PDB file of N, CA and C in Angstrom:
ATOM      1  N   MET A   1      -0.644   8.476  -5.288  1.00  0.00           N
ATOM      2  CA  MET A   1      -0.718   7.780  -6.772  1.00  0.00           C
ATOM      3  C   MET A   1       0.351   7.913  -7.453  1.00  0.00           C
ATOM      4  N   ILE A   2       1.173   6.584  -7.978  1.00  0.00           N
ATOM      5  CA  ILE A   2       2.173   6.935  -8.825  1.00  0.00           C
ATOM      6  C   ILE A   2       1.644   6.113 -10.287  1.00  0.00           C
ATOM      7  N   THR A   3       2.377   6.784 -11.523  1.00  0.00           N
ATOM      8  CA  THR A   3       2.387   6.225 -12.430  1.00  0.00           C
ATOM      9  C   THR A   3       3.335   5.197 -13.268  1.00  0.00           C
ATOM     10  N   VAL A   4       2.702   3.776 -13.492  1.00  0.00           N
ATOM     11  CA  VAL A   4       3.881   2.989 -14.156  1.00  0.00           C
ATOM     12  C   VAL A   4       3.275   2.614 -15.355  1.00  0.00           C
ATOM     13  N   GLU A   5       4.141   1.734 -15.996  1.00  0.00           N
ATOM     14  CA  GLU A   5       3.884   1.287 -17.355  1.00  0.00           C
ATOM     15  C   GLU A   5       3.956   0.080 -17.563  1.00  0.00           C
ATOM     16  N   VAL A   6       3.029  -0.383 -18.063  1.00  0.00           N
ATOM     17  CA  VAL A   6       2.918  -2.154 -18.239  1.00  0.00           C
ATOM     18  C   VAL A   6       3.054  -2.629 -19.699  1.00  0.00           C
ATOM     19  N   VAL A   7       3.973  -3.796 -19.996  1.00  0.00           N
ATOM     20  CA  VAL A   7       4.600  -4.005 -21.383  1.00  0.00           C
ATOM     21  C   VAL A   7       4.442  -5.116 -21.408  1.00  0.00           C
ATOM     22  N   PHE A   8       3.663  -5.934 -22.829  1.00  0.00           N
ATOM     23  CA  PHE A   8       3.820  -7.055 -23.387  1.00  0.00           C
ATOM     24  C   PHE A   8       4.136  -6.681 -24.916  1.00  0.00           C
ATOM     25  N   ALA A   9       5.014  -7.651 -25.056  1.00  0.00           N
ATOM     26  CA  ALA A   9       5.478  -7.637 -26.545  1.00  0.00           C
ATOM     27  C   ALA A   9       5.542  -9.216 -27.395  1.00  0.00           C
ATOM     28  N   LEU A  10       5.049  -9.137 -28.553  1.00  0.00           N
ATOM     29  CA  LEU A  10       5.282 -10.395 -29.417  1.00  0.00           C
ATOM     30  C   LEU A  10       5.915 -10.148 -30.125  1.00  0.00           C
ATOM     31  N   PRO A  11       6.567 -10.918 -31.138  1.00  0.00           N
ATOM     32  CA  PRO A  11       7.715 -10.808 -32.362  1.00  0.00           C
ATOM     33  C   PRO A  11       6.990  -9.733 -33.246  1.00  0.00           C
ATOM     34  N   THR A  12       5.728  -9.429 -33.208  1.00  0.00           N
ATOM     35  CA  THR A  12       5.473  -8.595 -34.286  1.00  0.00           C
ATOM     36  C   THR A  12       4.555  -7.311 -33.936  1.00  0.00           C
ATOM     37  N   THR A  13       4.258  -7.435 -32.579  1.00  0.00           N
ATOM     38  CA  THR A  13       3.747  -6.426 -31.912  1.00  0.00           C
ATOM     39  C   THR A  13       3.765  -6.144 -30.216  1.00  0.00           C
ATOM     40  N   ALA A  14       3.582  -4.830 -29.954  1.00  0.00           N
ATOM     41  CA  ALA A  14       3.714  -4.767 -28.540  1.00  0.00           C
ATOM     42  C   ALA A  14       2.511  -3.916 -27.777  1.00  0.00           C
ATOM     43  N   THR A  15       2.256  -4.320 -26.795  1.00  0.00           N
ATOM     44  CA  THR A  15       1.320  -3.513 -25.954  1.00  0.00           C
ATOM     45  C   THR A  15       1.905  -2.909 -24.739  1.00  0.00           C
ATOM     46  N   SER A  16       1.511  -1.629 -25.043  1.00  0.00           N
ATOM     47  CA  SER A  16       1.814  -0.795 -23.580  1.00  0.00           C
ATOM     48  C   SER A  16       1.124   0.246 -23.148  1.00  0.00           C
ATOM     49  N   LEU A  17       0.883   0.192 -21.644  1.00  0.00           N
ATOM     50  CA  LEU A  17      -0.236   0.632 -20.892  1.00  0.00           C
ATOM     51  C   LEU A  17       0.238   1.527 -19.835  1.00  0.00           C
ATOM     52  N   LEU A  18      -0.060   2.643 -19.756  1.00  0.00           N
ATOM     53  CA  LEU A  18       0.221   3.474 -18.427  1.00  0.00           C
ATOM     54  C   LEU A  18      -1.046   3.141 -17.684  1.00  0.00           C
ATOM     55  N   VAL A  19      -0.559   3.212 -16.261  1.00  0.00           N
ATOM     56  CA  VAL A  19      -1.548   3.004 -14.795  1.00  0.00           C
ATOM     57  C   VAL A  19      -1.212   3.461 -13.657  1.00  0.00           C
ATOM     58  N   GLU A  20      -2.339   4.323 -13.514  1.00  0.00           N
ATOM     59  CA  GLU A  20      -1.962   4.920 -12.041  1.00  0.00           C
ATOM     60  C   GLU A  20      -2.242   3.835 -10.870  1.00  0.00           C
ATOM     61  N   VAL A  21      -1.526   3.579  -9.974  1.00  0.00           N
ATOM     62  CA  VAL A  21      -1.777   2.882  -8.956  1.00  0.00           C
ATOM     63  C   VAL A  21      -1.065   3.625  -7.421  1.00  0.00           C
ATOM     64  N   PRO A  22      -1.906   2.978  -6.444  1.00  0.00           N
ATOM     65  CA  PRO A  22      -1.252   3.584  -5.016  1.00  0.00           C
ATOM     66  C   PRO A  22      -0.046   3.251  -4.735  1.00  0.00           C
ATOM     67  N   VAL A  23       0.617   4.172  -3.953  1.00  0.00           N
ATOM     68  CA  VAL A  23       2.088   3.785  -3.244  1.00  0.00           C
ATOM     69  C   VAL A  23       2.269   2.613  -2.529  1.00  0.00           C
ATOM     70  N   SER A  24       3.018   1.658  -2.659  1.00  0.00           N
ATOM     71  CA  SER A  24       3.223   0.182  -2.056  1.00  0.00           C
ATOM     72  C   SER A  24       2.432  -0.751  -2.997  1.00  0.00           C
ATOM     73  N   THR A  25       2.035  -0.649  -4.115  1.00  0.00           N
ATOM     74  CA  THR A  25       1.538  -1.464  -4.902  1.00  0.00           C
ATOM     75  C   THR A  25       2.506  -2.354  -5.726  1.00  0.00           C
ATOM     76  N   THR A  26       2.266  -3.689  -5.589  1.00  0.00           N
ATOM     77  CA  THR A  26       3.245  -4.595  -6.110  1.00  0.00           C
ATOM     78  C   THR A  26       3.210  -4.855  -7.722  1.00  0.00           C
ATOM     79  N   ALA A  27       4.058  -5.318  -8.335  1.00  0.00           N
ATOM     80  CA  ALA A  27       4.270  -5.454  -9.690  1.00  0.00           C
ATOM     81  C   ALA A  27       2.979  -6.431 -10.256  1.00  0.00           C
ATOM     82  N   GLU A  28       2.521  -7.526  -9.594  1.00  0.00           N
ATOM     83  CA  GLU A  28       1.568  -8.330 -10.074  1.00  0.00           C
ATOM     84  C   GLU A  28       0.468  -7.523 -10.070  1.00  0.00           C
ATOM     85  N   GLN A  29       0.082  -6.520  -8.753  1.00  0.00           N
ATOM     86  CA  GLN A  29      -0.990  -5.721  -8.938  1.00  0.00           C
ATOM     87  C   GLN A  29      -1.097  -4.743  -9.823  1.00  0.00           C
ATOM     88  N   ALA A  30      -0.129  -4.258 -10.117  1.00  0.00           N
ATOM     89  CA  ALA A  30       0.218  -3.321 -11.235  1.00  0.00           C
ATOM     90  C   ALA A  30      -0.477  -4.013 -12.566  1.00  0.00           C
ATOM     91  N   VAL A  31      -0.004  -5.016 -12.899  1.00  0.00           N
ATOM     92  CA  VAL A  31      -0.270  -5.760 -14.286  1.00  0.00           C
ATOM     93  C   VAL A  31      -1.571  -5.988 -14.063  1.00  0.00           C
ATOM     94  N   ILE A  32      -2.368  -6.702 -13.265  1.00  0.00           N
ATOM     95  CA  ILE A  32      -3.655  -6.803 -13.207  1.00  0.00           C
ATOM     96  C   ILE A  32      -4.527  -5.423 -13.327  1.00  0.00           C
ATOM     97  N   LYS A  33      -3.820  -4.572 -12.396  1.00  0.00           N
ATOM     98  CA  LYS A  33      -5.142  -3.457 -12.701  1.00  0.00           C
ATOM     99  C   LYS A  33      -5.073  -2.889 -13.875  1.00  0.00           C
ATOM    100  N   SER A  34      -3.692  -2.633 -14.798  1.00  0.00           N
ATOM    101  CA  SER A  34      -3.739  -2.313 -16.169  1.00  0.00           C
ATOM    102  C   SER A  34      -4.460  -2.814 -16.919  1.00  0.00           C
ATOM    103  N   GLY A  35      -5.119  -3.988 -16.642  1.00  0.00           N
ATOM    104  CA  GLY A  35      -6.372  -4.918 -17.852  1.00  0.00           C
ATOM    105  C   GLY A  35      -5.419  -5.364 -19.066  1.00  0.00           C
ATOM    106  N   ILE A  36      -3.961  -5.397 -18.897  1.00  0.00           N
ATOM    107  CA  ILE A  36      -3.404  -5.895 -20.189  1.00  0.00           C
ATOM    108  C   ILE A  36      -3.592  -7.322 -20.350  1.00  0.00           C
ATOM    109  N   ILE A  37      -3.948  -7.948 -19.380  1.00  0.00           N
ATOM    110  CA  ILE A  37      -4.164  -9.646 -19.254  1.00  0.00           C
ATOM    111  C   ILE A  37      -5.311  -9.841 -20.306  1.00  0.00           C
ATOM    112  N   ASP A  38      -6.579  -8.907 -19.854  1.00  0.00           N
ATOM    113  CA  ASP A  38      -7.775  -8.889 -21.041  1.00  0.00           C
ATOM    114  C   ASP A  38      -7.180  -8.661 -22.228  1.00  0.00           C
ATOM    115  N   LYS A  39      -6.589  -7.859 -22.432  1.00  0.00           N
ATOM    116  CA  LYS A  39      -6.136  -7.249 -24.079  1.00  0.00           C
ATOM    117  C   LYS A  39      -5.355  -8.087 -24.604  1.00  0.00           C
ATOM    118  N   CYS A  40      -4.617  -8.922 -23.947  1.00  0.00           N
ATOM    119  CA  CYS A  40      -3.517  -9.959 -24.446  1.00  0.00           C
ATOM    120  C   CYS A  40      -3.813 -11.442 -24.100  1.00  0.00           C
ATOM    121  N   PRO A  41      -4.283 -12.095 -24.784  1.00  0.00           N
ATOM    122  CA  PRO A  41      -4.748 -13.528 -24.418  1.00  0.00           C
ATOM    123  C   PRO A  41      -3.981 -14.438 -24.402  1.00  0.00           C
ATOM    124  N   GLU A  42      -2.556 -13.923 -25.101  1.00  0.00           N
ATOM    125  CA  GLU A  42      -1.218 -14.758 -24.975  1.00  0.00           C
ATOM    126  C   GLU A  42      -0.517 -14.708 -23.601  1.00  0.00           C
ATOM    127  N   ILE A  43      -1.304 -14.308 -22.582  1.00  0.00           N
ATOM    128  CA  ILE A  43      -0.351 -13.426 -21.319  1.00  0.00           C
ATOM    129  C   ILE A  43      -1.016 -15.013 -20.539  1.00  0.00           C
ATOM    130  N   ASP A  44      -0.376 -15.755 -19.939  1.00  0.00           N
ATOM    131  CA  ASP A  44      -0.954 -16.644 -18.851  1.00  0.00           C
ATOM    132  C   ASP A  44      -0.652 -16.153 -17.605  1.00  0.00           C
ATOM    133  N   ALA A  45      -1.704 -16.029 -17.197  1.00  0.00           N
ATOM    134  CA  ALA A  45      -2.138 -15.057 -15.908  1.00  0.00           C
ATOM    135  C   ALA A  45      -1.769 -15.593 -14.459  1.00  0.00           C
ATOM    136  N   ASN A  46      -1.808 -17.442 -14.876  1.00  0.00           N
ATOM    137  CA  ASN A  46      -1.404 -18.061 -13.670  1.00  0.00           C
ATOM    138  C   ASN A  46      -0.047 -18.320 -13.482  1.00  0.00           C
ATOM    139  N   ASN A  47       0.961 -17.951 -14.550  1.00  0.00           N
ATOM    140  CA  ASN A  47       2.315 -18.060 -14.742  1.00  0.00           C
ATOM    141  C   ASN A  47       3.223 -16.811 -14.871  1.00  0.00           C
ATOM    142  N   LEU A  48       2.824 -15.948 -14.370  1.00  0.00           N
ATOM    143  CA  LEU A  48       3.591 -14.578 -14.770  1.00  0.00           C
ATOM    144  C   LEU A  48       5.115 -14.751 -14.373  1.00  0.00           C
ATOM    145  N   THR A  49       5.888 -14.041 -15.551  1.00  0.00           N
ATOM    146  CA  THR A  49       7.112 -13.672 -15.011  1.00  0.00           C
ATOM    147  C   THR A  49       7.468 -12.238 -15.432  1.00  0.00           C
ATOM    148  N   LEU A  50       7.783 -11.445 -14.833  1.00  0.00           N
ATOM    149  CA  LEU A  50       7.831 -10.119 -14.629  1.00  0.00           C
ATOM    150  C   LEU A  50       9.463  -9.636 -14.550  1.00  0.00           C
ATOM    151  N   GLY A  51       9.281  -8.565 -15.089  1.00  0.00           N
ATOM    152  CA  GLY A  51      10.492  -7.767 -15.120  1.00  0.00           C
ATOM    153  C   GLY A  51      10.253  -6.023 -14.841  1.00  0.00           C
ATOM    154  N   ILE A  52      11.262  -5.514 -13.951  1.00  0.00           N
ATOM    155  CA  ILE A  52      11.156  -3.735 -14.201  1.00  0.00           C
ATOM    156  C   ILE A  52      12.640  -3.251 -14.874  1.00  0.00           C
ATOM    157  N   TRP A  53      12.451  -2.618 -15.891  1.00  0.00           N
ATOM    158  CA  TRP A  53      13.459  -2.046 -16.294  1.00  0.00           C
ATOM    159  C   TRP A  53      14.201  -3.275 -16.871  1.00  0.00           C
ATOM    160  N   ASN A  54      14.196  -4.447 -17.364  1.00  0.00           N
ATOM    161  CA  ASN A  54      14.966  -5.003 -18.129  1.00  0.00           C
ATOM    162  C   ASN A  54      15.362  -6.152 -17.133  1.00  0.00           C
ATOM    163  N   ARG A  55      15.104  -6.372 -15.746  1.00  0.00           N
ATOM    164  CA  ARG A  55      15.744  -6.643 -14.456  1.00  0.00           C
ATOM    165  C   ARG A  55      14.224  -7.851 -14.062  1.00  0.00           C
ATOM    166  N   THR A  56      14.611  -9.013 -14.142  1.00  0.00           N
ATOM    167  CA  THR A  56      13.264  -9.770 -13.290  1.00  0.00           C
ATOM    168  C   THR A  56      13.321  -9.512 -12.307  1.00  0.00           C
ATOM    169  N   CYS A  57      12.281  -9.682 -11.496  1.00  0.00           N
ATOM    170  CA  CYS A  57      11.748  -9.347 -10.207  1.00  0.00           C
ATOM    171  C   CYS A  57      10.620 -10.342  -9.773  1.00  0.00           C
ATOM    172  N   LYS A  58      10.671 -10.328  -8.426  1.00  0.00           N
ATOM    173  CA  LYS A  58       9.431 -11.079  -7.764  1.00  0.00           C
ATOM    174  C   LYS A  58       7.995 -10.464  -7.895  1.00  0.00           C
ATOM    175  N   LEU A  59       6.900 -11.239  -7.855  1.00  0.00           N
ATOM    176  CA  LEU A  59       5.630 -10.661  -8.201  1.00  0.00           C
ATOM    177  C   LEU A  59       5.268  -9.657  -7.263  1.00  0.00           C
ATOM    178  N   HIS A  60       5.904 -10.127  -6.136  1.00  0.00           N
ATOM    179  CA  HIS A  60       5.446  -9.104  -4.817  1.00  0.00           C
ATOM    180  C   HIS A  60       6.238  -7.584  -4.553  1.00  0.00           C
ATOM    181  N   GLN A  61       7.387  -7.767  -5.638  1.00  0.00           N
ATOM    182  CA  GLN A  61       7.902  -6.338  -5.480  1.00  0.00           C
ATOM    183  C   GLN A  61       7.091  -5.272  -5.638  1.00  0.00           C
ATOM    184  N   GLU A  62       7.495  -4.328  -4.697  1.00  0.00           N
ATOM    185  CA  GLU A  62       6.489  -2.871  -4.742  1.00  0.00           C
ATOM    186  C   GLU A  62       7.343  -2.190  -5.899  1.00  0.00           C
ATOM    187  N   VAL A  63       6.353  -1.515  -6.794  1.00  0.00           N
ATOM    188  CA  VAL A  63       6.541  -0.741  -7.843  1.00  0.00           C
ATOM    189  C   VAL A  63       6.936   0.730  -7.491  1.00  0.00           C
ATOM    190  N   LYS A  64       7.596   1.426  -8.360  1.00  0.00           N
ATOM    191  CA  LYS A  64       7.829   2.780  -8.170  1.00  0.00           C
ATOM    192  C   LYS A  64       7.485   3.686  -9.013  1.00  0.00           C
ATOM    193  N   ASP A  65       7.358   5.013  -8.588  1.00  0.00           N
ATOM    194  CA  ASP A  65       6.888   5.825 -10.095  1.00  0.00           C
ATOM    195  C   ASP A  65       7.978   6.031 -11.262  1.00  0.00           C
ATOM    196  N   GLY A  66       7.296   5.787 -12.248  1.00  0.00           N
ATOM    197  CA  GLY A  66       8.019   5.767 -13.624  1.00  0.00           C
ATOM    198  C   GLY A  66       8.634   4.440 -13.755  1.00  0.00           C
ATOM    199  N   ASP A  67       8.100   3.374 -13.137  1.00  0.00           N
ATOM    200  CA  ASP A  67       8.781   1.967 -13.253  1.00  0.00           C
ATOM    201  C   ASP A  67       8.091   1.538 -14.548  1.00  0.00           C
ATOM    202  N   ARG A  68       8.845   0.597 -15.352  1.00  0.00           N
ATOM    203  CA  ARG A  68       8.349   0.044 -16.554  1.00  0.00           C
ATOM    204  C   ARG A  68       8.076  -1.544 -16.357  1.00  0.00           C
ATOM    205  N   ILE A  69       7.139  -2.187 -16.163  1.00  0.00           N
ATOM    206  CA  ILE A  69       6.827  -3.365 -15.503  1.00  0.00           C
ATOM    207  C   ILE A  69       6.558  -4.166 -16.848  1.00  0.00           C
ATOM    208  N   GLU A  70       7.537  -4.940 -17.028  1.00  0.00           N
ATOM    209  CA  GLU A  70       8.029  -6.100 -18.569  1.00  0.00           C
ATOM    210  C   GLU A  70       6.989  -7.274 -18.088  1.00  0.00           C
ATOM    211  N   ILE A  71       6.221  -8.188 -19.154  1.00  0.00           N
ATOM    212  CA  ILE A  71       5.700  -9.156 -19.148  1.00  0.00           C
ATOM    213  C   ILE A  71       6.278 -10.185 -19.781  1.00  0.00           C
ATOM    214  N   TYR A  72       7.154 -10.675 -19.160  1.00  0.00           N
ATOM    215  CA  TYR A  72       8.051 -11.867 -20.160  1.00  0.00           C
ATOM    216  C   TYR A  72       7.384 -13.012 -20.551  1.00  0.00           C
ATOM    217  N   ARG A  73       7.640 -13.627 -21.829  1.00  0.00           N
ATOM    218  CA  ARG A  73       7.007 -14.895 -22.470  1.00  0.00           C
ATOM    219  C   ARG A  73       7.790 -16.054 -22.287  1.00  0.00           C
ATOM    220  N   PRO A  74       7.441 -17.057 -22.248  1.00  0.00           N
ATOM    221  CA  PRO A  74       8.258 -18.329 -21.677  1.00  0.00           C
ATOM    222  C   PRO A  74       9.459 -18.747 -23.093  1.00  0.00           C
ATOM    223  N   LEU A  75      10.461 -19.149 -22.650  1.00  0.00           N
ATOM    224  CA  LEU A  75      11.599 -19.462 -23.665  1.00  0.00           C
ATOM    225  C   LEU A  75      11.121 -20.599 -24.425  1.00  0.00           C
ATOM    226  N   ILE A  76      11.104 -20.597 -25.887  1.00  0.00           N
ATOM    227  CA  ILE A  76      10.758 -21.439 -26.631  1.00  0.00           C
ATOM    228  C   ILE A  76      11.795 -22.885 -26.541  1.00  0.00           C
ATOM    229  N   ALA A  77      12.991 -22.382 -26.295  1.00  0.00           N
ATOM    230  CA  ALA A  77      14.095 -23.328 -26.178  1.00  0.00           C
ATOM    231  C   ALA A  77      15.096 -23.201 -24.970  1.00  0.00           C
ATOM    232  N   ASP A  78      15.640 -24.062 -24.543  1.00  0.00           N
ATOM    233  CA  ASP A  78      16.353 -23.744 -23.414  1.00  0.00           C
ATOM    234  C   ASP A  78      17.820 -23.458 -24.049  1.00  0.00           C
ATOM    235  N   PRO A  79      18.407 -22.188 -23.863  1.00  0.00           N
ATOM    236  CA  PRO A  79      19.605 -21.384 -24.620  1.00  0.00           C
ATOM    237  C   PRO A  79      20.962 -22.499 -24.443  1.00  0.00           C
ATOM    238  N   LYS A  80      20.832 -23.205 -23.395  1.00  0.00           N
ATOM    239  CA  LYS A  80      22.364 -24.088 -23.289  1.00  0.00           C
ATOM    240  C   LYS A  80      22.002 -25.087 -24.346  1.00  0.00           C
ATOM    241  N   ASP A  81      20.884 -25.812 -24.394  1.00  0.00           N
ATOM    242  CA  ASP A  81      20.699 -26.931 -25.472  1.00  0.00           C
ATOM    243  C   ASP A  81      20.753 -26.451 -26.794  1.00  0.00           C
ATOM    244  N   ALA A  82      20.224 -24.892 -26.872  1.00  0.00           N
ATOM    245  CA  ALA A  82      20.300 -24.355 -28.388  1.00  0.00           C
ATOM    246  C   ALA A  82      22.142 -24.302 -28.771  1.00  0.00           C
ATOM    247  N   ARG A  83      23.053 -23.834 -27.947  1.00  0.00           N
ATOM    248  CA  ARG A  83      24.049 -23.278 -28.063  1.00  0.00           C
ATOM    249  C   ARG A  83      24.875 -24.897 -28.169  1.00  0.00           C
ATOM    250  N   ARG A  84      24.442 -25.991 -27.382  1.00  0.00           N
ATOM    251  CA  ARG A  84      25.006 -27.197 -27.991  1.00  0.00           C
ATOM    252  C   ARG A  84      24.617 -27.534 -29.217  1.00  0.00           C
ATOM    253  N   ARG A  85      23.734 -27.765 -29.403  1.00  0.00           N
ATOM    254  CA  ARG A  85      23.087 -28.207 -30.834  1.00  0.00           C
ATOM    255  C   ARG A  85      23.899 -27.402 -32.105  1.00  0.00           C
ATOM    256  N   ARG A  86      24.085 -26.084 -31.848  1.00  0.00           N
ATOM    257  CA  ARG A  86      24.686 -25.210 -32.701  1.00  0.00           C
ATOM    258  C   ARG A  86      26.286 -25.605 -33.079  1.00  0.00           C
ATOM    259  N   ALA A  87      26.891 -26.019 -31.900  1.00  0.00           N
ATOM    260  CA  ALA A  87      28.311 -26.777 -31.617  1.00  0.00           C
ATOM    261  C   ALA A  87      28.496 -27.940 -32.313  1.00  0.00           C
ATOM    262  N   GLU A  88      27.445 -28.438 -32.078  1.00  0.00           N
ATOM    263  CA  GLU A  88      27.669 -30.155 -32.706  1.00  0.00           C
ATOM    264  C   GLU A  88      27.414 -29.827 -34.249  1.00  0.00           C
ATOM    265  N   LYS A  89      26.404 -28.960 -34.840  1.00  0.00           N
ATOM    266  CA  LYS A  89      26.317 -28.794 -36.126  1.00  0.00           C
ATOM    267  C   LYS A  89      27.553 -28.308 -36.499  1.00  0.00           C
ATOM    268  N   ALA A  90      28.402 -27.222 -35.956  1.00  0.00           N
ATOM    269  CA  ALA A  90      29.539 -26.749 -36.399  1.00  0.00           C
ATOM    270  C   ALA A  90      30.498 -27.917 -36.807  1.00  0.00           C
ATOM    271  N   LYS A  91      30.680 -28.715 -35.500  1.00  0.00           N
ATOM    272  CA  LYS A  91      31.443 -29.791 -35.649  1.00  0.00           C
ATOM    273  C   LYS A  91      31.425 -30.625 -36.940  1.00  0.00           C
ATOM    274  N   GLU A  92      30.130 -31.213 -36.798  1.00  0.00           N
ATOM    275  CA  GLU A  92      29.923 -31.989 -38.132  1.00  0.00           C
ATOM    276  C   GLU A  92      30.167 -31.358 -39.653  1.00  0.00           C
ATOM    277  N   GLU A  93      29.969 -30.201 -39.555  1.00  0.00           N
ATOM    278  CA  GLU A  93      30.135 -29.266 -41.060  1.00  0.00           C
ATOM    279  C   GLU A  93      31.593 -29.002 -41.259  1.00  0.00           C
ATOM    280  N   GLY A  94      32.516 -29.269 -40.143  1.00  0.00           N
ATOM    281  CA  GLY A  94      33.959 -28.855 -40.225  1.00  0.00           C
ATOM    282  C   GLY A  94      34.130 -27.351 -39.996  1.00  0.00           C
ATOM    283  N   ARG A  95      33.342 -26.633 -39.639  1.00  0.00           N
ATOM    284  CA  ARG A  95      33.584 -25.327 -39.211  1.00  0.00           C
ATOM    285  C   ARG A  95      34.124 -25.260 -37.740  1.00  0.00           C
ATOM    286  N   ALA A  96      34.268 -26.126 -37.210  1.00  0.00           N
ATOM    287  CA  ALA A  96      34.972 -26.542 -35.897  1.00  0.00           C
ATOM    288  C   ALA A  96      35.869 -27.481 -35.393  1.00  0.00           C
ATOM    289  N   ASN A  97      36.755 -27.621 -34.729  1.00  0.00           N
ATOM    290  CA  ASN A  97      37.800 -28.891 -34.505  1.00  0.00           C
ATOM    291  C   ASN A  97      36.775 -29.929 -33.810  1.00  0.00           C
ATOM    292  N   LYS A  98      36.832 -31.124 -34.222  1.00  0.00           N
ATOM    293  CA  LYS A  98      36.081 -32.270 -33.552  1.00  0.00           C
ATOM    294  C   LYS A  98      36.325 -32.161 -32.075  1.00  0.00           C
ATOM    295  N   VAL A  99      37.565 -32.158 -31.709  1.00  0.00           N
ATOM    296  CA  VAL A  99      38.138 -32.429 -30.280  1.00  0.00           C
ATOM    297  C   VAL A  99      38.089 -31.144 -29.164  1.00  0.00           C
ATOM    298  N   THR A 100      38.512 -30.013 -29.937  1.00  0.00           N
ATOM    299  CA  THR A 100      38.359 -28.793 -28.893  1.00  0.00           C
ATOM    300  C   THR A 100      37.446 -27.863 -29.182  1.00  0.00           C
ATOM    301  N   GLY A 101      36.755 -27.899 -29.984  1.00  0.00           N
ATOM    302  CA  GLY A 101      35.391 -27.154 -30.366  1.00  0.00           C
ATOM    303  C   GLY A 101      35.874 -25.670 -30.879  1.00  0.00           C
ATOM    304  N   GLY A 102      37.107 -25.790 -30.827  1.00  0.00           N
ATOM    305  CA  GLY A 102      37.618 -24.380 -31.417  1.00  0.00           C
ATOM    306  C   GLY A 102      37.696 -24.544 -33.088  1.00  0.00           C
ATOM    307  N   ARG A 103      38.317 -23.178 -33.667  1.00  0.00           N
ATOM    308  CA  ARG A 103      38.090 -23.170 -35.134  1.00  0.00           C
ATOM    309  C   ARG A 103      39.175 -24.027 -35.679  1.00  0.00           C
ATOM    310  N   PRO A 104      38.925 -24.931 -36.920  1.00  0.00           N
ATOM    311  CA  PRO A 104      40.016 -25.423 -37.511  1.00  0.00           C
ATOM    312  C   PRO A 104      41.103 -24.784 -37.894  1.00  0.00           C
ATOM    313  N   LEU A 105      42.505 -25.585 -37.942  1.00  0.00           N
ATOM    314  CA  LEU A 105      43.510 -24.912 -38.450  1.00  0.00           C
ATOM    315  C   LEU A 105      43.586 -25.016 -39.864  1.00  0.00           C
ATOM    316  N   ASN A 106      43.835 -24.146 -40.775  1.00  0.00           N
ATOM    317  CA  ASN A 106      43.682 -24.073 -41.814  1.00  0.00           C
ATOM    318  C   ASN A 106      45.103 -24.393 -42.370  1.00  0.00           C
ATOM    319  N   LYS A 107      45.181 -25.532 -43.141  1.00  0.00           N
ATOM    320  CA  LYS A 107      46.562 -25.938 -43.575  1.00  0.00           C
ATOM    321  C   LYS A 107      46.939 -25.854 -45.074  1.00  0.00           C
ATOM    322  N   ALA A 108      47.836 -24.639 -45.599  1.00  0.00           N
ATOM    323  CA  ALA A 108      48.038 -24.510 -46.726  1.00  0.00           C
ATOM    324  C   ALA A 108      49.157 -25.137 -47.374  1.00  0.00           C
TER     325      ALA A 108
END
């Protein structure tokens, strides 16, 4: 048997559970065995995105003793779209050059 930690975090709280699983257990199996899905109703069991020590992994990846399995929440906004909107806003407000997108020249 090996021991792994299963973690799920929300903006205000985090749930962390230690679970003993047999050698050659997959990340998905460890999450299910931990019971965290029952404790955290925000987790969509049909659409899991997992990581081990801050690196995304496949559901069928085998875990090792001491691994920290993280359950990731879906993104609220696409990071590229959010960056694009911030850049457009900066251009409109004069904080960025309308042509190059860089900082405007201060002419004194």
